[in-house]
Each structure stands twice: as structure tokens, then as C-alpha cells.
Amino acid sequence: EAVERNQAMMVEKMEQEHRVTEKKAEGYIKEIEQ
């Protein structure tokens, strides 16, 4: 229980970075598909 808050924070931060990576890749893909 002592580290549950850190666990949630870690997961959210990592997901945010992945979403940034994914969004950038999707933008590139959309531009190339055009």
C-alpha cells in the first residue's frame, strides 16, 4: 500500500510518453499516406 501512489504515477507517466510517441508516428503516417 505504501507505494501504490508511486505505481499509478509511474504508469500514467509512461503511458503519456508512449502516447506522444504514438501520436507523432500517426502524424507521420497520415502525412505519408496523403
Full PDB file with SEQRES, HELIX, SHEET, SSBOND, CRYST1, ORIGX, SCALE, CONECT and MASTER records, all heavy atoms in Angstrom:
SEQRES   1 A   34  GLU ALA VAL GLU ARG ASN GLN ALA MET MET VAL GLU LYS          
SEQRES   2 A   34  MET GLU GLN GLU HIS ARG VAL THR GLU LYS LYS ALA GLU          
SEQRES   3 A   34  GLY TYR ILE LYS GLU ILE GLU GLN                              
HELIX    1 AA1 GLU A    4  GLU A   33  1                                  30    
CRYST1    1.000    1.000    1.000  90.00  90.00  90.00 P 1           1          
ORIGX1      1.000000  0.000000  0.000000        0.00000                         
ORIGX2      0.000000  1.000000  0.000000        0.00000                         
ORIGX3      0.000000  0.000000  1.000000        0.00000                         
SCALE1      1.000000  0.000000  0.000000        0.00000                         
SCALE2      0.000000  1.000000  0.000000        0.00000                         
SCALE3      0.000000  0.000000  1.000000        0.00000                         
ATOM      1  N   GLU A   1       0.813  -1.208   0.000  1.00  0.00           N  
ATOM      2  CA  GLU A   1       0.000   0.000   0.000  1.00  0.00           C  
ATOM      3  C   GLU A   1       0.850   1.264   0.000  1.00  0.00           C  
ATOM      4  O   GLU A   1       0.451   2.305  -0.538  1.00  0.00           O  
ATOM      5  CB  GLU A   1      -0.931   0.037   1.212  1.00  0.00           C  
ATOM      6  CG  GLU A   1      -2.045  -0.966   1.188  1.00  0.00           C  
ATOM      7  CD  GLU A   1      -1.606  -2.329   1.690  1.00  0.00           C  
ATOM      8  OE1 GLU A   1      -0.419  -2.462   2.067  1.00  0.00           O  
ATOM      9  OE2 GLU A   1      -2.422  -3.252   1.678  1.00  0.00           O  
ATOM     10  N   ALA A   2       2.053   1.164   0.547  1.00  0.00           N  
ATOM     11  CA  ALA A   2       2.879   2.359   0.696  1.00  0.00           C  
ATOM     12  C   ALA A   2       3.350   2.923  -0.635  1.00  0.00           C  
ATOM     13  O   ALA A   2       3.651   4.108  -0.747  1.00  0.00           O  
ATOM     14  CB  ALA A   2       4.087   2.040   1.584  1.00  0.00           C  
ATOM     15  N   VAL A   3       3.424   2.067  -1.626  1.00  0.00           N  
ATOM     16  CA  VAL A   3       3.955   2.536  -2.905  1.00  0.00           C  
ATOM     17  C   VAL A   3       2.894   2.540  -4.016  1.00  0.00           C  
ATOM     18  O   VAL A   3       3.208   2.677  -5.196  1.00  0.00           O  
ATOM     19  CB  VAL A   3       5.141   1.658  -3.345  1.00  0.00           C  
ATOM     20  CG1 VAL A   3       6.305   1.788  -2.406  1.00  0.00           C  
ATOM     21  CG2 VAL A   3       4.709   0.205  -3.500  1.00  0.00           C  
ATOM     22  N   GLU A   4       1.586   2.332  -3.667  1.00  0.00           N  
ATOM     23  CA  GLU A   4       0.537   2.302  -4.693  1.00  0.00           C  
ATOM     24  C   GLU A   4       0.442   3.641  -5.442  1.00  0.00           C  
ATOM     25  O   GLU A   4       0.210   3.674  -6.651  1.00  0.00           O  
ATOM     26  CB  GLU A   4      -0.807   1.945  -4.047  1.00  0.00           C  
ATOM     27  CG  GLU A   4      -0.906   0.481  -3.661  1.00  0.00           C  
ATOM     28  CD  GLU A   4      -2.223   0.136  -3.023  1.00  0.00           C  
ATOM     29  OE1 GLU A   4      -3.044   1.067  -2.807  1.00  0.00           O  
ATOM     30  OE2 GLU A   4      -2.445  -1.045  -2.754  1.00  0.00           O  
ATOM     31  N   ARG A   5       0.604   4.720  -4.718  1.00  0.00           N  
ATOM     32  CA  ARG A   5       0.563   6.022  -5.386  1.00  0.00           C  
ATOM     33  C   ARG A   5       1.686   6.158  -6.406  1.00  0.00           C  
ATOM     34  O   ARG A   5       1.491   6.673  -7.508  1.00  0.00           O  
ATOM     35  CB  ARG A   5       0.668   7.121  -4.333  1.00  0.00           C  
ATOM     36  CG  ARG A   5       0.664   8.537  -4.941  1.00  0.00           C  
ATOM     37  CD  ARG A   5       0.664   9.575  -3.847  1.00  0.00           C  
ATOM     38  NE  ARG A   5       1.770   9.391  -2.937  1.00  0.00           N  
ATOM     39  CZ  ARG A   5       2.992   9.863  -3.163  1.00  0.00           C  
ATOM     40  NH1 ARG A   5       3.243  10.514  -4.265  1.00  0.00           N  
ATOM     41  NH2 ARG A   5       3.954   9.662  -2.285  1.00  0.00           N  
ATOM     42  N   ASN A   6       2.881   5.676  -6.069  1.00  0.00           N  
ATOM     43  CA  ASN A   6       4.004   5.735  -6.996  1.00  0.00           C  
ATOM     44  C   ASN A   6       3.769   4.842  -8.220  1.00  0.00           C  
ATOM     45  O   ASN A   6       4.154   5.158  -9.347  1.00  0.00           O  
ATOM     46  CB  ASN A   6       5.288   5.302  -6.282  1.00  0.00           C  
ATOM     47  CG  ASN A   6       5.711   6.291  -5.215  1.00  0.00           C  
ATOM     48  OD1 ASN A   6       6.323   7.294  -5.525  1.00  0.00           O  
ATOM     49  ND2 ASN A   6       5.353   6.012  -3.966  1.00  0.00           N  
ATOM     50  N   GLN A   7       3.107   3.706  -7.945  1.00  0.00           N  
ATOM     51  CA  GLN A   7       2.798   2.809  -9.076  1.00  0.00           C  
ATOM     52  C   GLN A   7       1.883   3.492 -10.095  1.00  0.00           C  
ATOM     53  O   GLN A   7       2.130   3.453 -11.308  1.00  0.00           O  
ATOM     54  CB  GLN A   7       2.137   1.543  -8.537  1.00  0.00           C  
ATOM     55  CG  GLN A   7       1.633   0.605  -9.634  1.00  0.00           C  
ATOM     56  CD  GLN A   7       0.919  -0.601  -9.054  1.00  0.00           C  
ATOM     57  OE1 GLN A   7       1.355  -1.188  -8.067  1.00  0.00           O  
ATOM     58  NE2 GLN A   7      -0.186  -0.956  -9.660  1.00  0.00           N  
ATOM     59  N   ALA A   8       0.807   4.119  -9.618  1.00  0.00           N  
ATOM     60  CA  ALA A   8      -0.133   4.779 -10.523  1.00  0.00           C  
ATOM     61  C   ALA A   8       0.548   5.923 -11.285  1.00  0.00           C  
ATOM     62  O   ALA A   8       0.335   6.117 -12.493  1.00  0.00           O  
ATOM     63  CB  ALA A   8      -1.335   5.300  -9.740  1.00  0.00           C  
ATOM     64  N   MET A   9       1.392   6.670 -10.528  1.00  0.00           N  
ATOM     65  CA  MET A   9       2.088   7.788 -11.171  1.00  0.00           C  
ATOM     66  C   MET A   9       3.028   7.298 -12.264  1.00  0.00           C  
ATOM     67  O   MET A   9       3.091   7.854 -13.374  1.00  0.00           O  
ATOM     68  CB  MET A   9       2.881   8.557 -10.117  1.00  0.00           C  
ATOM     69  CG  MET A   9       3.718   9.701 -10.698  1.00  0.00           C  
ATOM     70  SD  MET A   9       5.064  10.179  -9.602  1.00  0.00           S  
ATOM     71  CE  MET A   9       6.124   8.756  -9.726  1.00  0.00           C  
ATOM     72  N   MET A  10       3.739   6.241 -11.980  1.00  0.00           N  
ATOM     73  CA  MET A  10       4.673   5.708 -12.963  1.00  0.00           C  
ATOM     74  C   MET A  10       3.956   5.247 -14.239  1.00  0.00           C  
ATOM     75  O   MET A  10       4.369   5.558 -15.365  1.00  0.00           O  
ATOM     76  CB  MET A  10       5.447   4.544 -12.352  1.00  0.00           C  
ATOM     77  CG  MET A  10       6.442   3.895 -13.311  1.00  0.00           C  
ATOM     78  SD  MET A  10       6.892   2.237 -12.788  1.00  0.00           S  
ATOM     79  CE  MET A  10       5.366   1.388 -13.040  1.00  0.00           C  
ATOM     80  N   VAL A  11       2.863   4.509 -14.039  1.00  0.00           N  
ATOM     81  CA  VAL A  11       2.117   4.003 -15.204  1.00  0.00           C  
ATOM     82  C   VAL A  11       1.608   5.159 -16.057  1.00  0.00           C  
ATOM     83  O   VAL A  11       1.706   5.151 -17.296  1.00  0.00           O  
ATOM     84  CB  VAL A  11       0.957   3.112 -14.742  1.00  0.00           C  
ATOM     85  CG1 VAL A  11       0.053   2.740 -15.928  1.00  0.00           C  
ATOM     86  CG2 VAL A  11       1.488   1.846 -14.077  1.00  0.00           C  
ATOM     87  N   GLU A  12       1.028   6.167 -15.440  1.00  0.00           N  
ATOM     88  CA  GLU A  12       0.478   7.293 -16.183  1.00  0.00           C  
ATOM     89  C   GLU A  12       1.552   8.045 -16.961  1.00  0.00           C  
ATOM     90  O   GLU A  12       1.374   8.402 -18.135  1.00  0.00           O  
ATOM     91  CB  GLU A  12      -0.252   8.241 -15.215  1.00  0.00           C  
ATOM     92  CG  GLU A  12      -0.856   9.472 -15.880  1.00  0.00           C  
ATOM     93  CD  GLU A  12      -1.863   9.114 -16.953  1.00  0.00           C  
ATOM     94  OE1 GLU A  12      -2.449   8.014 -16.897  1.00  0.00           O  
ATOM     95  OE2 GLU A  12      -2.062   9.943 -17.865  1.00  0.00           O  
ATOM     96  N   LYS A  13       2.694   8.268 -16.310  1.00  0.00           N  
ATOM     97  CA  LYS A  13       3.779   8.993 -16.995  1.00  0.00           C  
ATOM     98  C   LYS A  13       4.289   8.221 -18.202  1.00  0.00           C  
ATOM     99  O   LYS A  13       4.537   8.791 -19.280  1.00  0.00           O  
ATOM    100  CB  LYS A  13       4.936   9.229 -16.019  1.00  0.00           C  
ATOM    101  CG  LYS A  13       4.628  10.214 -14.904  1.00  0.00           C  
ATOM    102  CD  LYS A  13       4.572  11.642 -15.418  1.00  0.00           C  
ATOM    103  CE  LYS A  13       4.404  12.636 -14.286  1.00  0.00           C  
ATOM    104  NZ  LYS A  13       4.324  14.024 -14.772  1.00  0.00           N  
ATOM    105  N   MET A  14       4.467   6.917 -18.009  1.00  0.00           N  
ATOM    106  CA  MET A  14       4.950   6.106 -19.132  1.00  0.00           C  
ATOM    107  C   MET A  14       3.933   6.081 -20.276  1.00  0.00           C  
ATOM    108  O   MET A  14       4.294   6.140 -21.454  1.00  0.00           O  
ATOM    109  CB  MET A  14       5.253   4.683 -18.659  1.00  0.00           C  
ATOM    110  CG  MET A  14       6.506   4.569 -17.809  1.00  0.00           C  
ATOM    111  SD  MET A  14       6.877   2.852 -17.376  1.00  0.00           S  
ATOM    112  CE  MET A  14       8.449   3.063 -16.535  1.00  0.00           C  
ATOM    113  N   GLU A  15       2.649   5.957 -19.927  1.00  0.00           N  
ATOM    114  CA  GLU A  15       1.617   5.959 -20.965  1.00  0.00           C  
ATOM    115  C   GLU A  15       1.597   7.298 -21.709  1.00  0.00           C  
ATOM    116  O   GLU A  15       1.395   7.349 -22.929  1.00  0.00           O  
ATOM    117  CB  GLU A  15       0.239   5.679 -20.343  1.00  0.00           C  
ATOM    118  CG  GLU A  15       0.035   4.257 -19.896  1.00  0.00           C  
ATOM    119  CD  GLU A  15      -0.102   3.284 -21.054  1.00  0.00           C  
ATOM    120  OE1 GLU A  15      -0.126   3.723 -22.222  1.00  0.00           O  
ATOM    121  OE2 GLU A  15      -0.161   2.086 -20.806  1.00  0.00           O  
ATOM    122  N   GLN A  16       1.823   8.365 -20.989  1.00  0.00           N  
ATOM    123  CA  GLN A  16       1.860   9.678 -21.634  1.00  0.00           C  
ATOM    124  C   GLN A  16       2.993   9.763 -22.654  1.00  0.00           C  
ATOM    125  O   GLN A  16       2.815  10.258 -23.768  1.00  0.00           O  
ATOM    126  CB  GLN A  16       2.012  10.783 -20.576  1.00  0.00           C  
ATOM    127  CG  GLN A  16       0.745  11.068 -19.793  1.00  0.00           C  
ATOM    128  CD  GLN A  16       0.958  12.146 -18.746  1.00  0.00           C  
ATOM    129  OE1 GLN A  16       2.070  12.654 -18.566  1.00  0.00           O  
ATOM    130  NE2 GLN A  16      -0.115  12.498 -18.037  1.00  0.00           N  
ATOM    131  N   GLU A  17       4.160   9.272 -22.259  1.00  0.00           N  
ATOM    132  CA  GLU A  17       5.274   9.307 -23.193  1.00  0.00           C  
ATOM    133  C   GLU A  17       5.011   8.418 -24.417  1.00  0.00           C  
ATOM    134  O   GLU A  17       5.353   8.768 -25.537  1.00  0.00           O  
ATOM    135  CB  GLU A  17       6.568   8.872 -22.495  1.00  0.00           C  
ATOM    136  CG  GLU A  17       7.094   9.914 -21.522  1.00  0.00           C  
ATOM    137  CD  GLU A  17       8.557   9.689 -21.176  1.00  0.00           C  
ATOM    138  OE1 GLU A  17       9.243   8.977 -21.940  1.00  0.00           O  
ATOM    139  OE2 GLU A  17       8.992  10.205 -20.166  1.00  0.00           O  
ATOM    140  N   HIS A  18       4.397   7.270 -24.157  1.00  0.00           N  
ATOM    141  CA  HIS A  18       4.063   6.411 -25.302  1.00  0.00           C  
ATOM    142  C   HIS A  18       3.049   7.088 -26.227  1.00  0.00           C  
ATOM    143  O   HIS A  18       3.151   7.000 -27.450  1.00  0.00           O  
ATOM    144  CB  HIS A  18       3.500   5.073 -24.822  1.00  0.00           C  
ATOM    145  CG  HIS A  18       2.922   4.254 -25.939  1.00  0.00           C  
ATOM    146  ND1 HIS A  18       3.700   3.666 -26.896  1.00  0.00           N  
ATOM    147  CD2 HIS A  18       1.624   3.971 -26.260  1.00  0.00           C  
ATOM    148  CE1 HIS A  18       2.923   3.041 -27.776  1.00  0.00           C  
ATOM    149  NE2 HIS A  18       1.651   3.215 -27.408  1.00  0.00           N  
ATOM    150  N   ARG A  19       2.036   7.751 -25.628  1.00  0.00           N  
ATOM    151  CA  ARG A  19       1.038   8.430 -26.456  1.00  0.00           C  
ATOM    152  C   ARG A  19       1.665   9.524 -27.311  1.00  0.00           C  
ATOM    153  O   ARG A  19       1.258   9.745 -28.459  1.00  0.00           O  
ATOM    154  CB  ARG A  19      -0.074   8.993 -25.563  1.00  0.00           C  
ATOM    155  CG  ARG A  19      -1.034   7.935 -25.036  1.00  0.00           C  
ATOM    156  CD  ARG A  19      -2.287   8.572 -24.470  1.00  0.00           C  
ATOM    157  NE  ARG A  19      -2.025   9.315 -23.249  1.00  0.00           N  
ATOM    158  CZ  ARG A  19      -2.074   8.802 -22.040  1.00  0.00           C  
ATOM    159  NH1 ARG A  19      -2.369   7.509 -21.880  1.00  0.00           N  
ATOM    160  NH2 ARG A  19      -1.849   9.542 -20.976  1.00  0.00           N  
ATOM    161  N   VAL A  20       2.662  10.209 -26.728  1.00  0.00           N  
ATOM    162  CA  VAL A  20       3.376  11.229 -27.514  1.00  0.00           C  
ATOM    163  C   VAL A  20       4.084  10.567 -28.697  1.00  0.00           C  
ATOM    164  O   VAL A  20       4.037  11.050 -29.837  1.00  0.00           O  
ATOM    165  CB  VAL A  20       4.386  11.993 -26.630  1.00  0.00           C  
ATOM    166  CG1 VAL A  20       5.287  12.879 -27.498  1.00  0.00           C  
ATOM    167  CG2 VAL A  20       3.645  12.849 -25.606  1.00  0.00           C  
ATOM    168  N   THR A  21       4.761   9.443 -28.411  1.00  0.00           N  
ATOM    169  CA  THR A  21       5.453   8.709 -29.477  1.00  0.00           C  
ATOM    170  C   THR A  21       4.465   8.214 -30.529  1.00  0.00           C  
ATOM    171  O   THR A  21       4.685   8.345 -31.741  1.00  0.00           O  
ATOM    172  CB  THR A  21       6.206   7.500 -28.893  1.00  0.00           C  
ATOM    173  OG1 THR A  21       7.163   7.974 -27.924  1.00  0.00           O  
ATOM    174  CG2 THR A  21       6.936   6.726 -29.990  1.00  0.00           C  
ATOM    175  N   GLU A  22       3.344   7.653 -30.047  1.00  0.00           N  
ATOM    176  CA  GLU A  22       2.341   7.119 -30.963  1.00  0.00           C  
ATOM    177  C   GLU A  22       1.708   8.223 -31.806  1.00  0.00           C  
ATOM    178  O   GLU A  22       1.498   8.076 -33.013  1.00  0.00           O  
ATOM    179  CB  GLU A  22       1.272   6.389 -30.160  1.00  0.00           C  
ATOM    180  CG  GLU A  22       0.275   5.620 -31.024  1.00  0.00           C  
ATOM    181  CD  GLU A  22      -0.697   4.848 -30.166  1.00  0.00           C  
ATOM    182  OE1 GLU A  22      -1.237   5.430 -29.197  1.00  0.00           O  
ATOM    183  OE2 GLU A  22      -0.904   3.656 -30.443  1.00  0.00           O  
ATOM    184  N   LYS A  23       1.412   9.338 -31.166  1.00  0.00           N  
ATOM    185  CA  LYS A  23       0.796  10.463 -31.888  1.00  0.00           C  
ATOM    186  C   LYS A  23       1.726  11.000 -32.969  1.00  0.00           C  
ATOM    187  O   LYS A  23       1.297  11.319 -34.081  1.00  0.00           O  
ATOM    188  CB  LYS A  23       0.423  11.571 -30.895  1.00  0.00           C  
ATOM    189  CG  LYS A  23      -0.344  12.721 -31.536  1.00  0.00           C  
ATOM    190  CD  LYS A  23      -0.766  13.729 -30.483  1.00  0.00           C  
ATOM    191  CE  LYS A  23      -1.548  14.880 -31.127  1.00  0.00           C  
ATOM    192  NZ  LYS A  23      -1.974  15.877 -30.106  1.00  0.00           N  
ATOM    193  N   LYS A  24       3.014  11.074 -32.612  1.00  0.00           N  
ATOM    194  CA  LYS A  24       3.975  11.566 -33.604  1.00  0.00           C  
ATOM    195  C   LYS A  24       4.060  10.603 -34.787  1.00  0.00           C  
ATOM    196  O   LYS A  24       4.060  11.014 -35.950  1.00  0.00           O  
ATOM    197  CB  LYS A  24       5.349  11.723 -32.948  1.00  0.00           C  
ATOM    198  CG  LYS A  24       6.409  12.290 -33.895  1.00  0.00           C  
ATOM    199  CD  LYS A  24       7.742  12.507 -33.172  1.00  0.00           C  
ATOM    200  CE  LYS A  24       7.608  13.639 -32.169  1.00  0.00           C  
ATOM    201  NZ  LYS A  24       8.918  13.982 -31.551  1.00  0.00           N  
ATOM    202  N   ALA A  25       4.116   9.289 -34.502  1.00  0.00           N  
ATOM    203  CA  ALA A  25       4.181   8.295 -35.580  1.00  0.00           C  
ATOM    204  C   ALA A  25       2.925   8.342 -36.442  1.00  0.00           C  
ATOM    205  O   ALA A  25       2.989   8.258 -37.670  1.00  0.00           O  
ATOM    206  CB  ALA A  25       4.372   6.890 -34.993  1.00  0.00           C  
ATOM    207  N   GLU A  26       1.754   8.474 -35.800  1.00  0.00           N  
ATOM    208  CA  GLU A  26       0.496   8.541 -36.564  1.00  0.00           C  
ATOM    209  C   GLU A  26       0.455   9.777 -37.452  1.00  0.00           C  
ATOM    210  O   GLU A  26      -0.073   9.729 -38.571  1.00  0.00           O  
ATOM    211  CB  GLU A  26      -0.690   8.541 -35.602  1.00  0.00           C  
ATOM    212  CG  GLU A  26      -0.915   7.195 -34.942  1.00  0.00           C  
ATOM    213  CD  GLU A  26      -2.015   7.246 -33.879  1.00  0.00           C  
ATOM    214  OE1 GLU A  26      -2.459   8.375 -33.537  1.00  0.00           O  
ATOM    215  OE2 GLU A  26      -2.411   6.180 -33.399  1.00  0.00           O  
ATOM    216  N   GLY A  27       1.004  10.875 -36.939  1.00  0.00           N  
ATOM    217  CA  GLY A  27       1.067  12.089 -37.770  1.00  0.00           C  
ATOM    218  C   GLY A  27       1.935  11.879 -38.999  1.00  0.00           C  
ATOM    219  O   GLY A  27       1.573  12.296 -40.112  1.00  0.00           O  
ATOM    220  N   TYR A  28       3.100  11.213 -38.784  1.00  0.00           N  
ATOM    221  CA  TYR A  28       3.976  10.918 -39.922  1.00  0.00           C  
ATOM    222  C   TYR A  28       3.268   9.997 -40.925  1.00  0.00           C  
ATOM    223  O   TYR A  28       3.348  10.202 -42.145  1.00  0.00           O  
ATOM    224  CB  TYR A  28       5.263  10.239 -39.433  1.00  0.00           C  
ATOM    225  CG  TYR A  28       6.218  11.157 -38.712  1.00  0.00           C  
ATOM    226  CD1 TYR A  28       7.148  10.640 -37.804  1.00  0.00           C  
ATOM    227  CD2 TYR A  28       6.214  12.526 -38.929  1.00  0.00           C  
ATOM    228  CE1 TYR A  28       8.042  11.467 -37.130  1.00  0.00           C  
ATOM    229  CE2 TYR A  28       7.096  13.363 -38.258  1.00  0.00           C  
ATOM    230  CZ  TYR A  28       8.006  12.833 -37.360  1.00  0.00           C  
ATOM    231  OH  TYR A  28       8.894  13.659 -36.723  1.00  0.00           O  
ATOM    232  N   ILE A  29       2.609   8.971 -40.380  1.00  0.00           N  
ATOM    233  CA  ILE A  29       1.929   8.008 -41.263  1.00  0.00           C  
ATOM    234  C   ILE A  29       0.846   8.697 -42.080  1.00  0.00           C  
ATOM    235  O   ILE A  29       0.701   8.467 -43.281  1.00  0.00           O  
ATOM    236  CB  ILE A  29       1.337   6.860 -40.428  1.00  0.00           C  
ATOM    237  CG1 ILE A  29       2.465   5.988 -39.862  1.00  0.00           C  
ATOM    238  CG2 ILE A  29       0.394   5.999 -41.264  1.00  0.00           C  
ATOM    239  CD1 ILE A  29       2.002   4.948 -38.866  1.00  0.00           C  
ATOM    240  N   LYS A  30       0.059   9.537 -41.424  1.00  0.00           N  
ATOM    241  CA  LYS A  30      -1.012  10.244 -42.139  1.00  0.00           C  
ATOM    242  C   LYS A  30      -0.441  11.126 -43.246  1.00  0.00           C  
ATOM    243  O   LYS A  30      -0.984  11.186 -44.357  1.00  0.00           O  
ATOM    244  CB  LYS A  30      -1.815  11.089 -41.146  1.00  0.00           C  
ATOM    245  CG  LYS A  30      -3.020  11.771 -41.770  1.00  0.00           C  
ATOM    246  CD  LYS A  30      -3.821  12.508 -40.713  1.00  0.00           C  
ATOM    247  CE  LYS A  30      -5.047  13.177 -41.336  1.00  0.00           C  
ATOM    248  NZ  LYS A  30      -5.845  13.913 -40.313  1.00  0.00           N  
ATOM    249  N   GLU A  31       0.674  11.797 -42.938  1.00  0.00           N  
ATOM    250  CA  GLU A  31       1.285  12.677 -43.941  1.00  0.00           C  
ATOM    251  C   GLU A  31       1.816  11.878 -45.140  1.00  0.00           C  
ATOM    252  O   GLU A  31       1.644  12.257 -46.295  1.00  0.00           O  
ATOM    253  CB  GLU A  31       2.428  13.462 -43.293  1.00  0.00           C  
ATOM    254  CG  GLU A  31       2.995  14.576 -44.186  1.00  0.00           C  
ATOM    255  CD  GLU A  31       4.019  15.408 -43.462  1.00  0.00           C  
ATOM    256  OE1 GLU A  31       4.188  15.234 -42.223  1.00  0.00           O  
ATOM    257  OE2 GLU A  31       4.668  16.230 -44.116  1.00  0.00           O  
ATOM    258  N   ILE A  32       2.437  10.720 -44.838  1.00  0.00           N  
ATOM    259  CA  ILE A  32       2.975   9.891 -45.926  1.00  0.00           C  
ATOM    260  C   ILE A  32       1.842   9.282 -46.739  1.00  0.00           C  
ATOM    261  O   ILE A  32       1.923   9.195 -47.967  1.00  0.00           O  
ATOM    262  CB  ILE A  32       3.881   8.779 -45.350  1.00  0.00           C  
ATOM    263  CG1 ILE A  32       5.161   9.391 -44.769  1.00  0.00           C  
ATOM    264  CG2 ILE A  32       4.271   7.786 -46.436  1.00  0.00           C  
ATOM    265  CD1 ILE A  32       6.122   8.395 -44.199  1.00  0.00           C  
ATOM    266  N   GLU A  33       0.770   8.838 -46.050  1.00  0.00           N  
ATOM    267  CA  GLU A  33      -0.361   8.270 -46.789  1.00  0.00           C  
ATOM    268  C   GLU A  33      -0.978   9.286 -47.743  1.00  0.00           C  
ATOM    269  O   GLU A  33      -1.415   8.941 -48.840  1.00  0.00           O  
ATOM    270  CB  GLU A  33      -1.421   7.760 -45.805  1.00  0.00           C  
ATOM    271  CG  GLU A  33      -1.009   6.479 -45.108  1.00  0.00           C  
ATOM    272  CD  GLU A  33      -2.031   6.030 -44.074  1.00  0.00           C  
ATOM    273  OE1 GLU A  33      -2.837   6.875 -43.623  1.00  0.00           O  
ATOM    274  OE2 GLU A  33      -2.007   4.840 -43.703  1.00  0.00           O  
ATOM    275  N   GLN A  34      -0.997  10.555 -47.315  1.00  0.00           N  
ATOM    276  CA  GLN A  34      -1.501  11.606 -48.221  1.00  0.00           C  
ATOM    277  C   GLN A  34      -0.579  11.760 -49.421  1.00  0.00           C  
ATOM    278  O   GLN A  34      -1.039  11.933 -50.563  1.00  0.00           O  
ATOM    279  CB  GLN A  34      -1.615  12.935 -47.462  1.00  0.00           C  
ATOM    280  CG  GLN A  34      -2.154  14.079 -48.314  1.00  0.00           C  
ATOM    281  CD  GLN A  34      -3.538  13.801 -48.855  1.00  0.00           C  
ATOM    282  OE1 GLN A  34      -4.413  13.367 -48.127  1.00  0.00           O  
ATOM    283  NE2 GLN A  34      -3.734  14.023 -50.151  1.00  0.00           N  
TER     284      GLN A  34                                                      
MASTER        0    0    0    1    0    0    0    6  283    1    0    3          
END                                                                             
